[in-house]
Amino acid sequence: MAAAQLRLDAAASNIANLPTEGYRRVQARAEADASGGVRARTERVPEPGSDVAADLVEQRMAAGAFAANLQVFKAADRMLGRLLDADA
């Protein structure tokens, strides 16, 4: 969820800075963590310029990833609750 939030933040920053002269877009990068999960970071692109279409698509994809991860947490919570109910 943190990686999806970082992607959302990066795309929002790019859109908010559209009118800023010389602004270099931010991109979120994610990689698998050796201990499990994902490690995410942001980096600036080398050249100034905008890519509104890419940023809007990135926002939608990140929002979808966030929602999917939330559903996984909810399902795990329900399963744990049922497991604890069964032990009682």
N, C-alpha and C. Protein backbone atom coordinates (compact mmCIF):
# COMPACT_ATOMS: atom_id res chain seq x y z
N MET A 1 0.82 -1.18 0.00
CA MET A 1 0.00 0.00 0.00
C MET A 1 0.88 1.26 0.00
N ALA A 2 2.00 1.18 0.68
CA ALA A 2 2.90 2.34 0.72
C ALA A 2 3.47 2.63 -0.66
N ALA A 3 3.79 1.59 -1.43
CA ALA A 3 4.31 1.78 -2.78
C ALA A 3 3.25 2.41 -3.68
N ALA A 4 2.01 1.97 -3.55
CA ALA A 4 0.92 2.55 -4.34
C ALA A 4 0.72 4.01 -3.97
N GLN A 5 0.81 4.32 -2.67
CA GLN A 5 0.67 5.70 -2.23
C GLN A 5 1.79 6.57 -2.78
N LEU A 6 3.00 6.03 -2.82
CA LEU A 6 4.13 6.78 -3.38
C LEU A 6 3.91 7.06 -4.86
N ARG A 7 3.37 6.07 -5.58
CA ARG A 7 3.05 6.27 -7.00
C ARG A 7 2.00 7.37 -7.18
N LEU A 8 0.98 7.34 -6.33
CA LEU A 8 -0.06 8.38 -6.38
C LEU A 8 0.54 9.75 -6.12
N ASP A 9 1.38 9.84 -5.09
CA ASP A 9 2.00 11.12 -4.73
C ASP A 9 2.87 11.66 -5.85
N ALA A 10 3.65 10.78 -6.49
CA ALA A 10 4.53 11.21 -7.58
C ALA A 10 3.73 11.74 -8.76
N ALA A 11 2.68 11.03 -9.15
CA ALA A 11 1.85 11.48 -10.27
C ALA A 11 1.14 12.78 -9.93
N ALA A 12 0.65 12.91 -8.70
CA ALA A 12 -0.02 14.14 -8.29
C ALA A 12 0.94 15.32 -8.30
N SER A 13 2.16 15.10 -7.87
CA SER A 13 3.18 16.15 -7.89
C SER A 13 3.46 16.60 -9.32
N ASN A 14 3.55 15.64 -10.23
CA ASN A 14 3.80 15.98 -11.63
C ASN A 14 2.67 16.82 -12.21
N ILE A 15 1.44 16.45 -11.90
CA ILE A 15 0.29 17.20 -12.42
C ILE A 15 0.21 18.58 -11.78
N ALA A 16 0.46 18.66 -10.49
CA ALA A 16 0.42 19.95 -9.79
C ALA A 16 1.49 20.90 -10.31
N ASN A 17 2.61 20.37 -10.79
CA ASN A 17 3.71 21.21 -11.25
C ASN A 17 3.74 21.42 -12.76
N LEU A 18 2.64 21.11 -13.44
CA LEU A 18 2.59 21.32 -14.90
C LEU A 18 3.00 22.74 -15.31
N PRO A 19 2.51 23.77 -14.62
CA PRO A 19 2.88 25.12 -15.06
C PRO A 19 4.28 25.57 -14.63
N THR A 20 4.99 24.77 -13.87
CA THR A 20 6.30 25.17 -13.36
C THR A 20 7.36 25.01 -14.45
N GLU A 21 7.95 26.13 -14.80
CA GLU A 21 8.99 26.15 -15.84
C GLU A 21 10.19 25.32 -15.41
N GLY A 22 10.64 24.41 -16.27
CA GLY A 22 11.83 23.61 -16.01
C GLY A 22 11.63 22.46 -15.03
N TYR A 23 10.37 22.19 -14.65
CA TYR A 23 10.11 21.11 -13.70
C TYR A 23 10.46 19.76 -14.31
N ARG A 24 11.18 18.95 -13.57
CA ARG A 24 11.50 17.59 -13.99
C ARG A 24 10.57 16.63 -13.26
N ARG A 25 9.86 15.83 -14.03
CA ARG A 25 8.88 14.90 -13.47
C ARG A 25 9.53 13.92 -12.49
N VAL A 26 8.70 13.42 -11.59
CA VAL A 26 9.12 12.42 -10.61
C VAL A 26 8.50 11.08 -11.02
N GLN A 27 9.27 10.02 -10.94
CA GLN A 27 8.75 8.69 -11.21
C GLN A 27 8.99 7.81 -10.00
N ALA A 28 8.01 6.99 -9.69
CA ALA A 28 8.15 6.02 -8.59
C ALA A 28 8.70 4.72 -9.16
N ARG A 29 9.64 4.15 -8.47
CA ARG A 29 10.24 2.88 -8.85
C ARG A 29 10.04 1.91 -7.69
N ALA A 30 9.65 0.70 -8.01
CA ALA A 30 9.45 -0.33 -7.00
C ALA A 30 10.28 -1.56 -7.35
N GLU A 31 10.81 -2.20 -6.33
CA GLU A 31 11.56 -3.43 -6.53
C GLU A 31 11.27 -4.37 -5.38
N ALA A 32 11.38 -5.65 -5.66
CA ALA A 32 11.13 -6.67 -4.64
C ALA A 32 12.19 -6.56 -3.54
N ASP A 33 11.72 -6.66 -2.31
CA ASP A 33 12.62 -6.65 -1.15
C ASP A 33 13.00 -8.09 -0.83
N ALA A 34 14.25 -8.32 -0.52
CA ALA A 34 14.73 -9.68 -0.24
C ALA A 34 13.99 -10.33 0.93
N SER A 35 13.54 -9.52 1.89
CA SER A 35 12.83 -10.07 3.05
C SER A 35 11.33 -10.18 2.81
N GLY A 36 10.90 -9.89 1.59
CA GLY A 36 9.47 -9.94 1.26
C GLY A 36 8.93 -8.54 1.08
N GLY A 37 7.89 -8.43 0.32
CA GLY A 37 7.29 -7.12 0.08
C GLY A 37 7.98 -6.37 -1.04
N VAL A 38 7.78 -5.07 -1.02
CA VAL A 38 8.28 -4.19 -2.07
C VAL A 38 8.94 -2.98 -1.45
N ARG A 39 10.03 -2.55 -2.05
CA ARG A 39 10.70 -1.32 -1.64
C ARG A 39 10.47 -0.30 -2.76
N ALA A 40 9.99 0.87 -2.41
CA ALA A 40 9.69 1.89 -3.43
C ALA A 40 10.48 3.16 -3.15
N ARG A 41 10.81 3.86 -4.23
CA ARG A 41 11.53 5.13 -4.12
C ARG A 41 11.13 6.00 -5.30
N THR A 42 11.43 7.28 -5.22
CA THR A 42 11.15 8.17 -6.33
C THR A 42 12.47 8.67 -6.91
N GLU A 43 12.42 9.02 -8.18
CA GLU A 43 13.58 9.62 -8.84
C GLU A 43 13.08 10.60 -9.88
N ARG A 44 13.87 11.59 -10.14
CA ARG A 44 13.53 12.59 -11.15
C ARG A 44 14.00 12.12 -12.52
N VAL A 45 13.19 12.44 -13.54
CA VAL A 45 13.61 12.12 -14.91
C VAL A 45 14.70 13.11 -15.30
N PRO A 46 15.57 12.73 -16.24
CA PRO A 46 16.71 13.59 -16.57
C PRO A 46 16.33 14.92 -17.23
N GLU A 47 15.29 14.94 -18.05
CA GLU A 47 14.95 16.14 -18.79
C GLU A 47 13.64 16.76 -18.30
N PRO A 48 13.55 18.09 -18.27
CA PRO A 48 12.28 18.72 -17.91
C PRO A 48 11.21 18.44 -18.97
N GLY A 49 9.98 18.51 -18.57
CA GLY A 49 8.87 18.30 -19.49
C GLY A 49 7.75 17.55 -18.81
N SER A 50 6.59 17.59 -19.43
CA SER A 50 5.42 16.95 -18.83
C SER A 50 4.96 15.77 -19.69
N ASP A 51 4.22 14.89 -19.06
CA ASP A 51 3.58 13.77 -19.74
C ASP A 51 2.27 13.52 -19.00
N VAL A 52 1.30 14.39 -19.26
CA VAL A 52 0.04 14.37 -18.53
C VAL A 52 -0.67 13.03 -18.69
N ALA A 53 -0.69 12.50 -19.88
CA ALA A 53 -1.37 11.23 -20.12
C ALA A 53 -0.76 10.13 -19.25
N ALA A 54 0.55 10.04 -19.22
CA ALA A 54 1.23 9.01 -18.41
C ALA A 54 0.93 9.21 -16.93
N ASP A 55 0.91 10.46 -16.48
CA ASP A 55 0.64 10.72 -15.07
C ASP A 55 -0.80 10.38 -14.69
N LEU A 56 -1.75 10.66 -15.57
CA LEU A 56 -3.14 10.31 -15.28
C LEU A 56 -3.33 8.79 -15.25
N VAL A 57 -2.70 8.10 -16.18
CA VAL A 57 -2.77 6.63 -16.19
C VAL A 57 -2.12 6.08 -14.93
N GLU A 58 -0.98 6.63 -14.56
CA GLU A 58 -0.27 6.17 -13.35
C GLU A 58 -1.13 6.37 -12.11
N GLN A 59 -1.85 7.48 -12.03
CA GLN A 59 -2.74 7.71 -10.89
C GLN A 59 -3.82 6.63 -10.82
N ARG A 60 -4.42 6.32 -11.94
CA ARG A 60 -5.48 5.30 -11.98
C ARG A 60 -4.93 3.92 -11.60
N MET A 61 -3.77 3.59 -12.13
CA MET A 61 -3.18 2.29 -11.82
C MET A 61 -2.79 2.19 -10.35
N ALA A 62 -2.22 3.26 -9.80
CA ALA A 62 -1.82 3.26 -8.40
C ALA A 62 -3.05 3.19 -7.49
N ALA A 63 -4.12 3.88 -7.85
CA ALA A 63 -5.35 3.81 -7.06
C ALA A 63 -5.91 2.39 -7.08
N GLY A 64 -5.85 1.74 -8.23
CA GLY A 64 -6.31 0.35 -8.33
C GLY A 64 -5.45 -0.59 -7.50
N ALA A 65 -4.13 -0.39 -7.53
CA ALA A 65 -3.23 -1.22 -6.73
C ALA A 65 -3.47 -1.02 -5.24
N PHE A 66 -3.72 0.22 -4.85
CA PHE A 66 -4.00 0.51 -3.44
C PHE A 66 -5.29 -0.20 -3.02
N ALA A 67 -6.33 -0.09 -3.83
CA ALA A 67 -7.62 -0.72 -3.51
C ALA A 67 -7.48 -2.25 -3.45
N ALA A 68 -6.70 -2.83 -4.36
CA ALA A 68 -6.50 -4.28 -4.35
C ALA A 68 -5.78 -4.72 -3.09
N ASN A 69 -4.75 -3.98 -2.69
CA ASN A 69 -4.03 -4.31 -1.46
C ASN A 69 -4.93 -4.17 -0.23
N LEU A 70 -5.80 -3.18 -0.25
CA LEU A 70 -6.74 -3.01 0.86
C LEU A 70 -7.67 -4.22 0.97
N GLN A 71 -8.12 -4.74 -0.16
CA GLN A 71 -8.99 -5.91 -0.14
C GLN A 71 -8.25 -7.14 0.42
N VAL A 72 -6.96 -7.26 0.14
CA VAL A 72 -6.17 -8.36 0.69
C VAL A 72 -6.12 -8.24 2.21
N PHE A 73 -5.89 -7.03 2.72
CA PHE A 73 -5.86 -6.82 4.17
C PHE A 73 -7.21 -7.15 4.80
N LYS A 74 -8.28 -6.73 4.15
CA LYS A 74 -9.62 -7.01 4.68
C LYS A 74 -9.89 -8.51 4.71
N ALA A 75 -9.51 -9.21 3.65
CA ALA A 75 -9.72 -10.66 3.59
C ALA A 75 -8.90 -11.37 4.67
N ALA A 76 -7.67 -10.94 4.86
CA ALA A 76 -6.83 -11.54 5.90
C ALA A 76 -7.43 -11.30 7.28
N ASP A 77 -7.95 -10.10 7.50
CA ASP A 77 -8.59 -9.78 8.77
C ASP A 77 -9.81 -10.66 9.01
N ARG A 78 -10.63 -10.85 7.99
CA ARG A 78 -11.81 -11.71 8.11
C ARG A 78 -11.40 -13.15 8.40
N MET A 79 -10.39 -13.63 7.69
CA MET A 79 -9.94 -15.01 7.89
C MET A 79 -9.37 -15.20 9.30
N LEU A 80 -8.62 -14.25 9.78
CA LEU A 80 -8.08 -14.34 11.12
C LEU A 80 -9.18 -14.33 12.15
N GLY A 81 -10.20 -13.49 11.93
CA GLY A 81 -11.35 -13.45 12.85
C GLY A 81 -12.05 -14.79 12.90
N ARG A 82 -12.25 -15.41 11.76
CA ARG A 82 -12.91 -16.72 11.70
C ARG A 82 -12.05 -17.79 12.37
N LEU A 83 -10.75 -17.71 12.18
CA LEU A 83 -9.85 -18.66 12.80
C LEU A 83 -9.92 -18.54 14.32
N LEU A 84 -9.93 -17.30 14.81
CA LEU A 84 -10.01 -17.10 16.26
C LEU A 84 -11.36 -17.53 16.79
N ASP A 85 -12.43 -17.33 16.02
CA ASP A 85 -13.77 -17.77 16.44
C ASP A 85 -13.83 -19.28 16.54
N ALA A 86 -13.15 -19.97 15.65
CA ALA A 86 -13.18 -21.43 15.61
C ALA A 86 -12.44 -22.02 16.82
N ASP A 87 -11.42 -21.30 17.30
CA ASP A 87 -10.64 -21.78 18.45
C ASP A 87 -11.38 -21.58 19.77
N ALA A 88 -12.34 -20.71 19.80
CA ALA A 88 -12.99 -20.37 21.07
C ALA A 88 -13.94 -21.44 21.55
